[in-house]
């Protein structure tokens, strides 16, 4: 049968993305080109692989499910063979394609690049951003990246295919403009107080983009503690959210892992309170077969050590006061100072 790797890869992307439209955005091919490749594959196999509904979403036929599993195995083996070829016959060239969410930038990016550069045979470092961990895991599956820093929950079902190392527990903080007093915050947290009596800044909050996993718990938190506040702004990333807070426009939630990467000017304009119960574990994931390659194994271990030690300390989680303390009667809180 005249089946190509390209056809199998396109088929997998359509299934993983859920529609031809989304797959087109992911792999940079036009929708007609994707449809044409799928049609050729179905014609060669003489079966229908996917069914499209009125909204464009796809579901697999029994034959589609069989070929989806088969394509994962075939493409995985090919990726491993190519990696081994490069290791043996191309002077062990090391290209680190690291996937991360926009939270990890600045300090983290520089450290990851230095670690990659120190590996024997280093050729290139590529940083790939996506808005959520699930999308990064998809890219790992499709061999578009070889490392990813993701939420542990996003990769639980794929751990047999990857080497996974826990990096740190990422807690969440409530960010408030520094100009808002603790007295105003406590007043706003009083359930019986009307919106007209609350500091106007506290009646606005910045919601994160809907595909970010922490969005539902963040919305629930505001409904529970600040029901008078409305989602006046929406931001695509946590970094852009806290910039709006620094501008005095409202409040938001941000992960502690963002803090080492923020400019001092931003940190000086906000104060932070630790939120209990909104934390998640962050892991480093890599295609498992790469652990047999000394250079990639070196990068994996060094990046793990950096995150567990230096980067975790830079997050300074123990220095940020708890939000729960605000719920207790007065005594002005000692605020976290970025300048310390």
C-alpha atoms as a PDB file:
ATOM      1  CA  UNK A   1       0.000   0.000   0.000  1.00  0.00           C
ATOM      2  CA  UNK A   2       1.204   3.488  -0.869  1.00  0.00           C
ATOM      3  CA  UNK A   3       0.878   5.033   2.606  1.00  0.00           C
ATOM      4  CA  UNK A   4       3.189   7.901   3.525  1.00  0.00           C
ATOM      5  CA  UNK A   5       4.435   9.059   6.908  1.00  0.00           C
ATOM      6  CA  UNK A   6       3.064  12.509   6.073  1.00  0.00           C
ATOM      7  CA  UNK A   7      -0.452  11.083   5.648  1.00  0.00           C
ATOM      8  CA  UNK A   8      -0.245   9.261   8.974  1.00  0.00           C
ATOM      9  CA  UNK A   9       1.063  12.358  10.741  1.00  0.00           C
ATOM     10  CA  UNK A  10      -1.704  14.547   9.279  1.00  0.00           C
ATOM     11  CA  UNK A  11      -4.313  11.969  10.281  1.00  0.00           C
ATOM     12  CA  UNK A  12      -2.963  11.935  13.852  1.00  0.00           C
ATOM     13  CA  UNK A  13      -2.989  15.727  14.044  1.00  0.00           C
ATOM     14  CA  UNK A  14      -6.621  15.897  12.921  1.00  0.00           C
ATOM     15  CA  UNK A  15      -7.645  13.361  15.573  1.00  0.00           C
ATOM     16  CA  UNK A  16      -5.608  15.005  18.342  1.00  0.00           C
ATOM     17  CA  UNK A  17      -6.750  18.533  17.429  1.00  0.00           C
ATOM     18  CA  UNK A  18     -10.373  17.446  17.019  1.00  0.00           C
ATOM     19  CA  UNK A  19     -11.008  19.127  13.696  1.00  0.00           C
ATOM     20  CA  UNK A  20      -9.361  19.871  10.366  1.00  0.00           C
ATOM     21  CA  UNK A  21      -9.523  23.603  11.130  1.00  0.00           C
ATOM     22  CA  UNK A  22      -7.583  23.261  14.388  1.00  0.00           C
ATOM     23  CA  UNK A  23      -5.115  20.844  12.811  1.00  0.00           C
ATOM     24  CA  UNK A  24      -4.509  23.382  10.041  1.00  0.00           C
ATOM     25  CA  UNK A  25      -3.484  25.997  12.614  1.00  0.00           C
ATOM     26  CA  UNK A  26      -1.212  23.534  14.387  1.00  0.00           C
ATOM     27  CA  UNK A  27       0.777  22.161  11.471  1.00  0.00           C
ATOM     28  CA  UNK A  28       0.654  25.117   9.087  1.00  0.00           C
ATOM     29  CA  UNK A  29      -1.081  23.332   6.209  1.00  0.00           C
ATOM     30  CA  UNK A  30      -4.196  24.621   4.493  1.00  0.00           C
ATOM     31  CA  UNK A  31      -7.492  22.864   5.179  1.00  0.00           C
ATOM     32  CA  UNK A  32      -7.812  21.729   1.520  1.00  0.00           C
ATOM     33  CA  UNK A  33      -4.325  20.171   1.675  1.00  0.00           C
ATOM     34  CA  UNK A  34      -5.203  18.300   4.860  1.00  0.00           C
ATOM     35  CA  UNK A  35      -8.517  17.095   3.422  1.00  0.00           C
ATOM     36  CA  UNK A  36      -6.739  15.938   0.260  1.00  0.00           C
ATOM     37  CA  UNK A  37      -4.147  13.932   2.211  1.00  0.00           C
ATOM     38  CA  UNK A  38      -6.859  12.348   4.357  1.00  0.00           C
ATOM     39  CA  UNK A  39      -8.862  11.433   1.257  1.00  0.00           C
ATOM     40  CA  UNK A  40      -5.792   9.783  -0.294  1.00  0.00           C
ATOM     41  CA  UNK A  41      -5.155   7.795   2.874  1.00  0.00           C
ATOM     42  CA  UNK A  42      -8.775   6.622   3.070  1.00  0.00           C
ATOM     43  CA  UNK A  43      -8.708   5.742  -0.637  1.00  0.00           C
ATOM     44  CA  UNK A  44      -5.537   3.693  -0.220  1.00  0.00           C
ATOM     45  CA  UNK A  45      -6.943   1.847   2.795  1.00  0.00           C
ATOM     46  CA  UNK A  46     -10.398   1.603   1.201  1.00  0.00           C
ATOM     47  CA  UNK A  47     -12.086   2.599   4.484  1.00  0.00           C
ATOM     48  CA  UNK A  48     -13.466   5.728   6.142  1.00  0.00           C
ATOM     49  CA  UNK A  49     -11.265   6.834   9.051  1.00  0.00           C
ATOM     50  CA  UNK A  50     -13.085   9.865  10.437  1.00  0.00           C
ATOM     51  CA  UNK A  51     -16.581  11.294  10.481  1.00  0.00           C
ATOM     52  CA  UNK A  52     -17.169  15.056  10.541  1.00  0.00           C
ATOM     53  CA  UNK A  53     -20.260  16.568  12.132  1.00  0.00           C
ATOM     54  CA  UNK A  54     -21.954  19.839  11.188  1.00  0.00           C
ATOM     55  CA  UNK A  55     -19.624  21.897  13.379  1.00  0.00           C
ATOM     56  CA  UNK A  56     -16.493  20.397  11.818  1.00  0.00           C
ATOM     57  CA  UNK A  57     -15.519  18.244  14.799  1.00  0.00           C
ATOM     58  CA  UNK A  58     -14.304  14.755  13.947  1.00  0.00           C
ATOM     59  CA  UNK A  59     -14.861  11.323  15.458  1.00  0.00           C
ATOM     60  CA  UNK A  60     -13.114   8.085  14.522  1.00  0.00           C
ATOM     61  CA  UNK A  61     -14.639   5.036  12.912  1.00  0.00           C
ATOM     62  CA  UNK A  62     -13.459   1.612  14.195  1.00  0.00           C
ATOM     63  CA  UNK A  63     -10.939   1.587  11.342  1.00  0.00           C
ATOM     64  CA  UNK A  64      -9.881   5.096  12.343  1.00  0.00           C
ATOM     65  CA  UNK A  65      -9.238   4.003  15.928  1.00  0.00           C
ATOM     66  CA  UNK A  66      -7.094   1.115  14.676  1.00  0.00           C
ATOM     67  CA  UNK A  67      -5.042   3.343  12.380  1.00  0.00           C
ATOM     68  CA  UNK A  68      -4.706   6.075  15.007  1.00  0.00           C
ATOM     69  CA  UNK A  69      -3.060   3.603  17.401  1.00  0.00           C
ATOM     70  CA  UNK A  70      -0.997   2.143  14.579  1.00  0.00           C
ATOM     71  CA  UNK A  71       0.159   5.569  13.409  1.00  0.00           C
ATOM     72  CA  UNK A  72       1.290   6.469  16.934  1.00  0.00           C
ATOM     73  CA  UNK A  73       3.377   3.291  17.032  1.00  0.00           C
ATOM     74  CA  UNK A  74       4.780   3.724  13.500  1.00  0.00           C
ATOM     75  CA  UNK A  75       5.653   7.400  13.892  1.00  0.00           C
ATOM     76  CA  UNK A  76       7.109   6.789  17.352  1.00  0.00           C
ATOM     77  CA  UNK A  77       9.383   4.083  15.996  1.00  0.00           C
ATOM     78  CA  UNK A  78      10.451   6.291  13.114  1.00  0.00           C
ATOM     79  CA  UNK A  79      11.257   9.152  15.504  1.00  0.00           C
ATOM     80  CA  UNK A  80      13.336   6.803  17.650  1.00  0.00           C
ATOM     81  CA  UNK A  81      15.160   5.497  14.567  1.00  0.00           C
ATOM     82  CA  UNK A  82      15.943   9.027  13.361  1.00  0.00           C
ATOM     83  CA  UNK A  83      17.150  10.010  16.837  1.00  0.00           C
ATOM     84  CA  UNK A  84      19.415   6.972  16.986  1.00  0.00           C
ATOM     85  CA  UNK A  85      20.701   7.736  13.480  1.00  0.00           C
ATOM     86  CA  UNK A  86      21.589  11.271  14.506  1.00  0.00           C
ATOM     87  CA  UNK A  87      23.268   9.960  17.632  1.00  0.00           C
ATOM     88  CA  UNK A  88      25.405   7.415  15.760  1.00  0.00           C
ATOM     89  CA  UNK A  89      26.067   8.982  12.393  1.00  0.00           C
ATOM     90  CA  UNK A  90      25.636  12.753  12.660  1.00  0.00           C
ATOM     91  CA  UNK A  91      28.212  13.470  15.352  1.00  0.00           C
ATOM     92  CA  UNK A  92      25.643  13.339  18.149  1.00  0.00           C
ATOM     93  CA  UNK A  93      24.093  16.656  17.144  1.00  0.00           C
ATOM     94  CA  UNK A  94      21.907  17.925  19.987  1.00  0.00           C
ATOM     95  CA  UNK A  95      18.917  20.125  19.206  1.00  0.00           C
ATOM     96  CA  UNK A  96      16.843  20.940  22.276  1.00  0.00           C
ATOM     97  CA  UNK A  97      13.240  21.802  21.402  1.00  0.00           C
ATOM     98  CA  UNK A  98      11.750  22.783  24.746  1.00  0.00           C
ATOM     99  CA  UNK A  99       8.028  23.417  25.127  1.00  0.00           C
ATOM    100  CA  UNK A 100       6.717  25.617  27.930  1.00  0.00           C
ATOM    101  CA  UNK A 101       3.866  27.950  28.778  1.00  0.00           C
ATOM    102  CA  UNK A 102       4.550  31.732  28.675  1.00  0.00           C
ATOM    103  CA  UNK A 103       4.925  31.708  32.479  1.00  0.00           C
ATOM    104  CA  UNK A 104       8.427  30.302  32.022  1.00  0.00           C
ATOM    105  CA  UNK A 105      10.422  32.998  30.314  1.00  0.00           C
ATOM    106  CA  UNK A 106      13.273  35.348  31.188  1.00  0.00           C
ATOM    107  CA  UNK A 107      15.304  33.762  33.992  1.00  0.00           C
ATOM    108  CA  UNK A 108      14.068  30.267  33.232  1.00  0.00           C
ATOM    109  CA  UNK A 109      14.671  30.529  29.483  1.00  0.00           C
ATOM    110  CA  UNK A 110      18.232  31.749  29.939  1.00  0.00           C
ATOM    111  CA  UNK A 111      19.019  28.939  32.380  1.00  0.00           C
ATOM    112  CA  UNK A 112      17.537  26.272  30.078  1.00  0.00           C
ATOM    113  CA  UNK A 113      19.533  27.622  27.128  1.00  0.00           C
ATOM    114  CA  UNK A 114      22.779  27.580  29.132  1.00  0.00           C
ATOM    115  CA  UNK A 115      22.144  23.984  30.227  1.00  0.00           C
ATOM    116  CA  UNK A 116      21.482  22.925  26.631  1.00  0.00           C
ATOM    117  CA  UNK A 117      24.608  24.709  25.427  1.00  0.00           C
ATOM    118  CA  UNK A 118      26.738  22.809  27.955  1.00  0.00           C
ATOM    119  CA  UNK A 119      25.669  19.420  26.535  1.00  0.00           C
ATOM    120  CA  UNK A 120      28.175  17.557  24.324  1.00  0.00           C
ATOM    121  CA  UNK A 121      27.294  17.962  20.647  1.00  0.00           C
ATOM    122  CA  UNK A 122      25.027  20.979  21.243  1.00  0.00           C
ATOM    123  CA  UNK A 123      23.832  22.572  18.002  1.00  0.00           C
ATOM    124  CA  UNK A 124      20.665  24.552  18.707  1.00  0.00           C
ATOM    125  CA  UNK A 125      18.174  25.554  21.414  1.00  0.00           C
ATOM    126  CA  UNK A 126      14.554  26.177  20.419  1.00  0.00           C
ATOM    127  CA  UNK A 127      11.896  27.458  22.815  1.00  0.00           C
ATOM    128  CA  UNK A 128       8.297  26.670  21.856  1.00  0.00           C
ATOM    129  CA  UNK A 129       5.408  28.338  23.703  1.00  0.00           C
ATOM    130  CA  UNK A 130       1.809  27.187  23.984  1.00  0.00           C
ATOM    131  CA  UNK A 131      -0.942  28.509  26.229  1.00  0.00           C
ATOM    132  CA  UNK A 132      -1.581  25.297  28.168  1.00  0.00           C
ATOM    133  CA  UNK A 133       0.048  22.021  29.166  1.00  0.00           C
ATOM    134  CA  UNK A 134      -2.347  19.822  27.192  1.00  0.00           C
ATOM    135  CA  UNK A 135      -1.311  21.509  23.937  1.00  0.00           C
ATOM    136  CA  UNK A 136       2.363  20.982  24.814  1.00  0.00           C
ATOM    137  CA  UNK A 137       1.762  17.287  25.507  1.00  0.00           C
ATOM    138  CA  UNK A 138       0.161  17.060  22.050  1.00  0.00           C
ATOM    139  CA  UNK A 139       3.333  18.484  20.559  1.00  0.00           C
ATOM    140  CA  UNK A 140       5.395  15.919  22.462  1.00  0.00           C
ATOM    141  CA  UNK A 141       3.214  13.140  21.065  1.00  0.00           C
ATOM    142  CA  UNK A 142       3.635  14.507  17.551  1.00  0.00           C
ATOM    143  CA  UNK A 143       7.440  14.790  17.962  1.00  0.00           C
ATOM    144  CA  UNK A 144       7.405  18.537  17.330  1.00  0.00           C
ATOM    145  CA  UNK A 145       9.278  19.103  20.616  1.00  0.00           C
ATOM    146  CA  UNK A 146      11.462  16.723  22.594  1.00  0.00           C
ATOM    147  CA  UNK A 147      11.171  18.259  26.079  1.00  0.00           C
ATOM    148  CA  UNK A 148       8.269  20.016  27.816  1.00  0.00           C
ATOM    149  CA  UNK A 149       7.585  21.614  31.187  1.00  0.00           C
ATOM    150  CA  UNK A 150       3.933  20.866  31.916  1.00  0.00           C
ATOM    151  CA  UNK A 151       1.372  20.351  34.648  1.00  0.00           C
ATOM    152  CA  UNK A 152       1.626  16.765  35.889  1.00  0.00           C
ATOM    153  CA  UNK A 153      -2.087  16.163  35.359  1.00  0.00           C
ATOM    154  CA  UNK A 154      -1.748  16.800  31.609  1.00  0.00           C
ATOM    155  CA  UNK A 155       0.654  13.903  31.075  1.00  0.00           C
ATOM    156  CA  UNK A 156      -0.674  11.257  33.470  1.00  0.00           C
ATOM    157  CA  UNK A 157      -2.164   9.163  30.663  1.00  0.00           C
ATOM    158  CA  UNK A 158       1.073   9.222  28.633  1.00  0.00           C
ATOM    159  CA  UNK A 159       3.707   8.486  31.260  1.00  0.00           C
ATOM    160  CA  UNK A 160       4.699   5.157  29.659  1.00  0.00           C
ATOM    161  CA  UNK A 161       5.888   7.049  26.575  1.00  0.00           C
ATOM    162  CA  UNK A 162       7.904   9.699  28.416  1.00  0.00           C
ATOM    163  CA  UNK A 163      10.592  10.124  31.027  1.00  0.00           C
ATOM    164  CA  UNK A 164       8.929  12.338  33.651  1.00  0.00           C
ATOM    165  CA  UNK A 165      10.535  14.168  36.576  1.00  0.00           C
ATOM    166  CA  UNK A 166       8.674  16.322  39.098  1.00  0.00           C
ATOM    167  CA  UNK A 167      10.153  19.822  39.298  1.00  0.00           C
ATOM    168  CA  UNK A 168       8.163  21.777  41.890  1.00  0.00           C
ATOM    169  CA  UNK A 169       4.752  22.484  43.349  1.00  0.00           C
ATOM    170  CA  UNK A 170       3.407  25.616  41.683  1.00  0.00           C
ATOM    171  CA  UNK A 171       1.189  27.595  44.051  1.00  0.00           C
ATOM    172  CA  UNK A 172      -1.098  30.453  43.095  1.00  0.00           C
ATOM    173  CA  UNK A 173      -1.086  34.001  44.387  1.00  0.00           C
ATOM    174  CA  UNK A 174      -3.716  36.723  44.361  1.00  0.00           C
ATOM    175  CA  UNK A 175      -2.172  39.883  42.895  1.00  0.00           C
ATOM    176  CA  UNK A 176      -3.525  43.264  44.050  1.00  0.00           C
ATOM    177  CA  UNK A 177      -2.310  46.770  43.114  1.00  0.00           C
ATOM    178  CA  UNK A 178       0.088  48.035  45.766  1.00  0.00           C
ATOM    179  CA  UNK A 179      -2.037  51.170  46.114  1.00  0.00           C
ATOM    180  CA  UNK A 180      -4.919  49.178  47.652  1.00  0.00           C
ATOM    181  CA  UNK A 181      -4.717  48.986  51.447  1.00  0.00           C
ATOM    182  CA  UNK A 182      -5.304  45.850  53.473  1.00  0.00           C
ATOM    183  CA  UNK A 183      -8.171  47.654  55.163  1.00  0.00           C
ATOM    184  CA  UNK A 184      -9.857  48.105  51.784  1.00  0.00           C
ATOM    185  CA  UNK A 185      -9.263  44.451  50.953  1.00  0.00           C
ATOM    186  CA  UNK A 186     -10.798  43.268  54.230  1.00  0.00           C
ATOM    187  CA  UNK A 187     -13.781  45.539  53.660  1.00  0.00           C
ATOM    188  CA  UNK A 188     -14.314  44.054  50.185  1.00  0.00           C
ATOM    189  CA  UNK A 189     -14.162  40.536  51.615  1.00  0.00           C
ATOM    190  CA  UNK A 190     -17.060  41.396  53.925  1.00  0.00           C
ATOM    191  CA  UNK A 191     -19.939  39.533  52.280  1.00  0.00           C
ATOM    192  CA  UNK A 192     -22.490  42.077  53.485  1.00  0.00           C
ATOM    193  CA  UNK A 193     -20.807  45.081  51.918  1.00  0.00           C
ATOM    194  CA  UNK A 194     -22.343  46.475  48.723  1.00  0.00           C
ATOM    195  CA  UNK A 195     -20.260  47.139  45.616  1.00  0.00           C
ATOM    196  CA  UNK A 196     -20.693  50.904  46.014  1.00  0.00           C
ATOM    197  CA  UNK A 197     -18.736  50.835  49.297  1.00  0.00           C
ATOM    198  CA  UNK A 198     -15.815  48.800  47.919  1.00  0.00           C
ATOM    199  CA  UNK A 199     -12.613  50.239  46.519  1.00  0.00           C
ATOM    200  CA  UNK A 200     -13.422  50.351  42.756  1.00  0.00           C
ATOM    201  CA  UNK A 201     -10.197  48.547  41.870  1.00  0.00           C
ATOM    202  CA  UNK A 202     -11.408  45.479  43.790  1.00  0.00           C
ATOM    203  CA  UNK A 203     -14.610  45.301  41.750  1.00  0.00           C
ATOM    204  CA  UNK A 204     -12.591  44.424  38.633  1.00  0.00           C
ATOM    205  CA  UNK A 205     -10.547  41.318  37.967  1.00  0.00           C
ATOM    206  CA  UNK A 206      -8.526  40.016  35.044  1.00  0.00           C
ATOM    207  CA  UNK A 207      -9.592  36.567  33.893  1.00  0.00           C
ATOM    208  CA  UNK A 208      -7.113  34.323  32.146  1.00  0.00           C
ATOM    209  CA  UNK A 209      -7.721  32.918  28.644  1.00  0.00           C
ATOM    210  CA  UNK A 210     -10.344  30.137  28.709  1.00  0.00           C
ATOM    211  CA  UNK A 211      -7.996  27.312  27.623  1.00  0.00           C
ATOM    212  CA  UNK A 212      -5.705  27.801  30.643  1.00  0.00           C
ATOM    213  CA  UNK A 213      -6.552  25.008  33.152  1.00  0.00           C
ATOM    214  CA  UNK A 214      -6.603  27.287  36.218  1.00  0.00           C
ATOM    215  CA  UNK A 215      -9.380  29.474  34.781  1.00  0.00           C
ATOM    216  CA  UNK A 216     -12.351  27.556  36.363  1.00  0.00           C
ATOM    217  CA  UNK A 217     -10.858  27.497  39.872  1.00  0.00           C
ATOM    218  CA  UNK A 218      -9.944  31.180  39.568  1.00  0.00           C
ATOM    219  CA  UNK A 219     -13.493  32.109  38.543  1.00  0.00           C
ATOM    220  CA  UNK A 220     -14.880  30.042  41.428  1.00  0.00           C
ATOM    221  CA  UNK A 221     -12.566  31.841  43.845  1.00  0.00           C
ATOM    222  CA  UNK A 222     -13.878  35.248  42.791  1.00  0.00           C
ATOM    223  CA  UNK A 223     -17.491  34.080  43.012  1.00  0.00           C
ATOM    224  CA  UNK A 224     -16.823  32.844  46.534  1.00  0.00           C
ATOM    225  CA  UNK A 225     -14.680  35.645  47.998  1.00  0.00           C
ATOM    226  CA  UNK A 226     -15.433  38.695  45.834  1.00  0.00           C
ATOM    227  CA  UNK A 227     -18.892  38.168  44.325  1.00  0.00           C
ATOM    228  CA  UNK A 228     -19.138  41.912  43.690  1.00  0.00           C
ATOM    229  CA  UNK A 229     -16.158  41.737  41.295  1.00  0.00           C
ATOM    230  CA  UNK A 230     -16.625  41.210  37.569  1.00  0.00           C
ATOM    231  CA  UNK A 231     -14.246  39.932  34.887  1.00  0.00           C
ATOM    232  CA  UNK A 232     -13.705  43.323  33.304  1.00  0.00           C
ATOM    233  CA  UNK A 233     -10.565  42.227  31.453  1.00  0.00           C
ATOM    234  CA  UNK A 234      -9.350  39.040  29.777  1.00  0.00           C
ATOM    235  CA  UNK A 235      -5.660  38.359  29.184  1.00  0.00           C
ATOM    236  CA  UNK A 236      -3.972  35.573  27.190  1.00  0.00           C
ATOM    237  CA  UNK A 237      -1.178  34.981  29.711  1.00  0.00           C
ATOM    238  CA  UNK A 238      -0.473  35.407  33.412  1.00  0.00           C
ATOM    239  CA  UNK A 239       2.316  37.857  32.579  1.00  0.00           C
ATOM    240  CA  UNK A 240      -0.079  40.165  30.768  1.00  0.00           C
ATOM    241  CA  UNK A 241      -2.603  39.779  33.617  1.00  0.00           C
ATOM    242  CA  UNK A 242      -0.226  40.998  36.292  1.00  0.00           C
ATOM    243  CA  UNK A 243       0.831  43.913  34.069  1.00  0.00           C
ATOM    244  CA  UNK A 244      -2.777  45.121  34.203  1.00  0.00           C
ATOM    245  CA  UNK A 245      -2.736  44.721  37.985  1.00  0.00           C
ATOM    246  CA  UNK A 246       0.475  46.754  38.172  1.00  0.00           C
ATOM    247  CA  UNK A 247      -1.364  49.429  36.193  1.00  0.00           C
ATOM    248  CA  UNK A 248      -3.991  49.630  38.948  1.00  0.00           C
ATOM    249  CA  UNK A 249      -6.853  48.249  36.850  1.00  0.00           C
ATOM    250  CA  UNK A 250      -7.910  45.255  38.952  1.00  0.00           C
ATOM    251  CA  UNK A 251      -6.731  42.026  40.571  1.00  0.00           C
ATOM    252  CA  UNK A 252      -5.798  38.602  39.218  1.00  0.00           C
ATOM    253  CA  UNK A 253      -4.368  35.197  40.043  1.00  0.00           C
ATOM    254  CA  UNK A 254      -0.825  34.259  39.009  1.00  0.00           C
ATOM    255  CA  UNK A 255       1.355  31.184  39.609  1.00  0.00           C
ATOM    256  CA  UNK A 256       4.440  31.542  41.769  1.00  0.00           C
ATOM    257  CA  UNK A 257       6.546  30.179  38.887  1.00  0.00           C
ATOM    258  CA  UNK A 258       5.969  33.469  37.053  1.00  0.00           C
ATOM    259  CA  UNK A 259       7.541  35.617  39.772  1.00  0.00           C
ATOM    260  CA  UNK A 260      11.272  35.032  39.037  1.00  0.00           C
ATOM    261  CA  UNK A 261      10.664  36.190  35.463  1.00  0.00           C
ATOM    262  CA  UNK A 262       8.926  39.502  36.192  1.00  0.00           C
ATOM    263  CA  UNK A 263      10.551  42.917  35.927  1.00  0.00           C
ATOM    264  CA  UNK A 264      11.271  44.677  39.212  1.00  0.00           C
ATOM    265  CA  UNK A 265       9.081  47.583  38.073  1.00  0.00           C
ATOM    266  CA  UNK A 266       6.083  45.240  37.887  1.00  0.00           C
ATOM    267  CA  UNK A 267       6.781  43.610  41.252  1.00  0.00           C
ATOM    268  CA  UNK A 268       7.026  46.987  42.980  1.00  0.00           C
ATOM    269  CA  UNK A 269       3.501  47.911  41.863  1.00  0.00           C
ATOM    270  CA  UNK A 270       1.740  44.796  43.213  1.00  0.00           C
ATOM    271  CA  UNK A 271       1.351  42.923  46.453  1.00  0.00           C
ATOM    272  CA  UNK A 272       0.726  39.205  46.588  1.00  0.00           C
ATOM    273  CA  UNK A 273      -1.181  36.798  48.803  1.00  0.00           C
ATOM    274  CA  UNK A 274      -0.742  33.041  48.711  1.00  0.00           C
ATOM    275  CA  UNK A 275      -3.927  31.125  47.804  1.00  0.00           C
ATOM    276  CA  UNK A 276      -4.276  27.723  49.407  1.00  0.00           C
ATOM    277  CA  UNK A 277      -5.832  24.865  47.445  1.00  0.00           C
ATOM    278  CA  UNK A 278      -5.034  26.143  43.929  1.00  0.00           C
ATOM    279  CA  UNK A 279      -1.611  24.557  43.566  1.00  0.00           C
ATOM    280  CA  UNK A 280      -0.454  21.994  40.978  1.00  0.00           C
ATOM    281  CA  UNK A 281       2.639  19.888  40.384  1.00  0.00           C
ATOM    282  CA  UNK A 282       4.890  20.800  37.464  1.00  0.00           C
ATOM    283  CA  UNK A 283       7.021  18.176  35.709  1.00  0.00           C
ATOM    284  CA  UNK A 284       9.662  17.896  33.010  1.00  0.00           C
ATOM    285  CA  UNK A 285       8.754  15.379  30.297  1.00  0.00           C
ATOM    286  CA  UNK A 286      10.958  14.001  27.533  1.00  0.00           C
ATOM    287  CA  UNK A 287      10.556  11.288  24.912  1.00  0.00           C
ATOM    288  CA  UNK A 288      11.664   8.183  26.828  1.00  0.00           C
ATOM    289  CA  UNK A 289      14.022   6.841  24.156  1.00  0.00           C
ATOM    290  CA  UNK A 290      16.135  10.015  24.440  1.00  0.00           C
ATOM    291  CA  UNK A 291      17.300   8.901  27.906  1.00  0.00           C
ATOM    292  CA  UNK A 292      19.669   6.500  26.116  1.00  0.00           C
ATOM    293  CA  UNK A 293      21.392   9.512  24.533  1.00  0.00           C
ATOM    294  CA  UNK A 294      23.998  10.867  26.962  1.00  0.00           C
ATOM    295  CA  UNK A 295      23.586  14.516  25.946  1.00  0.00           C
ATOM    296  CA  UNK A 296      19.796  14.553  26.240  1.00  0.00           C
ATOM    297  CA  UNK A 297      19.965  12.650  29.511  1.00  0.00           C
ATOM    298  CA  UNK A 298      22.445  15.276  30.773  1.00  0.00           C
ATOM    299  CA  UNK A 299      20.072  18.108  29.835  1.00  0.00           C
ATOM    300  CA  UNK A 300      17.110  16.322  31.458  1.00  0.00           C
ATOM    301  CA  UNK A 301      18.965  15.824  34.759  1.00  0.00           C
ATOM    302  CA  UNK A 302      20.539  19.289  34.827  1.00  0.00           C
ATOM    303  CA  UNK A 303      17.263  21.068  34.055  1.00  0.00           C
ATOM    304  CA  UNK A 304      15.531  19.028  36.765  1.00  0.00           C
ATOM    305  CA  UNK A 305      18.208  19.968  39.310  1.00  0.00           C
ATOM    306  CA  UNK A 306      18.033  23.650  38.361  1.00  0.00           C
ATOM    307  CA  UNK A 307      14.241  23.787  38.788  1.00  0.00           C
ATOM    308  CA  UNK A 308      14.226  21.887  42.089  1.00  0.00           C
ATOM    309  CA  UNK A 309      16.903  24.073  43.596  1.00  0.00           C
ATOM    310  CA  UNK A 310      17.656  27.491  42.107  1.00  0.00           C
ATOM    311  CA  UNK A 311      14.363  28.207  40.390  1.00  0.00           C
ATOM    312  CA  UNK A 312      12.259  26.989  43.317  1.00  0.00           C
ATOM    313  CA  UNK A 313      14.191  29.289  45.675  1.00  0.00           C
ATOM    314  CA  UNK A 314      13.695  32.208  43.287  1.00  0.00           C
ATOM    315  CA  UNK A 315       9.920  31.731  43.544  1.00  0.00           C
ATOM    316  CA  UNK A 316      10.208  32.729  47.244  1.00  0.00           C
ATOM    317  CA  UNK A 317       6.917  31.065  48.125  1.00  0.00           C
ATOM    318  CA  UNK A 318       7.559  31.098  51.887  1.00  0.00           C
ATOM    319  CA  UNK A 319       7.937  34.892  51.908  1.00  0.00           C
ATOM    320  CA  UNK A 320       4.472  35.635  50.541  1.00  0.00           C
ATOM    321  CA  UNK A 321       1.709  36.034  53.158  1.00  0.00           C
ATOM    322  CA  UNK A 322      -1.340  33.819  53.031  1.00  0.00           C
ATOM    323  CA  UNK A 323      -4.680  35.133  51.824  1.00  0.00           C
ATOM    324  CA  UNK A 324      -6.257  33.321  54.783  1.00  0.00           C
ATOM    325  CA  UNK A 325      -4.571  35.839  57.082  1.00  0.00           C
ATOM    326  CA  UNK A 326      -6.638  38.599  55.494  1.00  0.00           C
ATOM    327  CA  UNK A 327      -9.765  36.849  56.673  1.00  0.00           C
ATOM    328  CA  UNK A 328      -8.607  37.264  60.277  1.00  0.00           C
ATOM    329  CA  UNK A 329      -9.294  40.480  62.209  1.00  0.00           C
ATOM    330  CA  UNK A 330      -6.899  43.463  61.646  1.00  0.00           C
ATOM    331  CA  UNK A 331      -3.232  43.799  62.490  1.00  0.00           C
ATOM    332  CA  UNK A 332      -1.827  45.103  59.221  1.00  0.00           C
ATOM    333  CA  UNK A 333      -0.115  42.346  57.219  1.00  0.00           C
ATOM    334  CA  UNK A 334       3.600  42.408  56.509  1.00  0.00           C
ATOM    335  CA  UNK A 335       3.650  42.458  52.733  1.00  0.00           C
ATOM    336  CA  UNK A 336       6.005  40.568  50.469  1.00  0.00           C
ATOM    337  CA  UNK A 337       8.624  42.925  49.118  1.00  0.00           C
ATOM    338  CA  UNK A 338      10.305  42.190  45.803  1.00  0.00           C
ATOM    339  CA  UNK A 339      13.161  44.452  46.771  1.00  0.00           C
ATOM    340  CA  UNK A 340      14.242  42.303  49.749  1.00  0.00           C
END
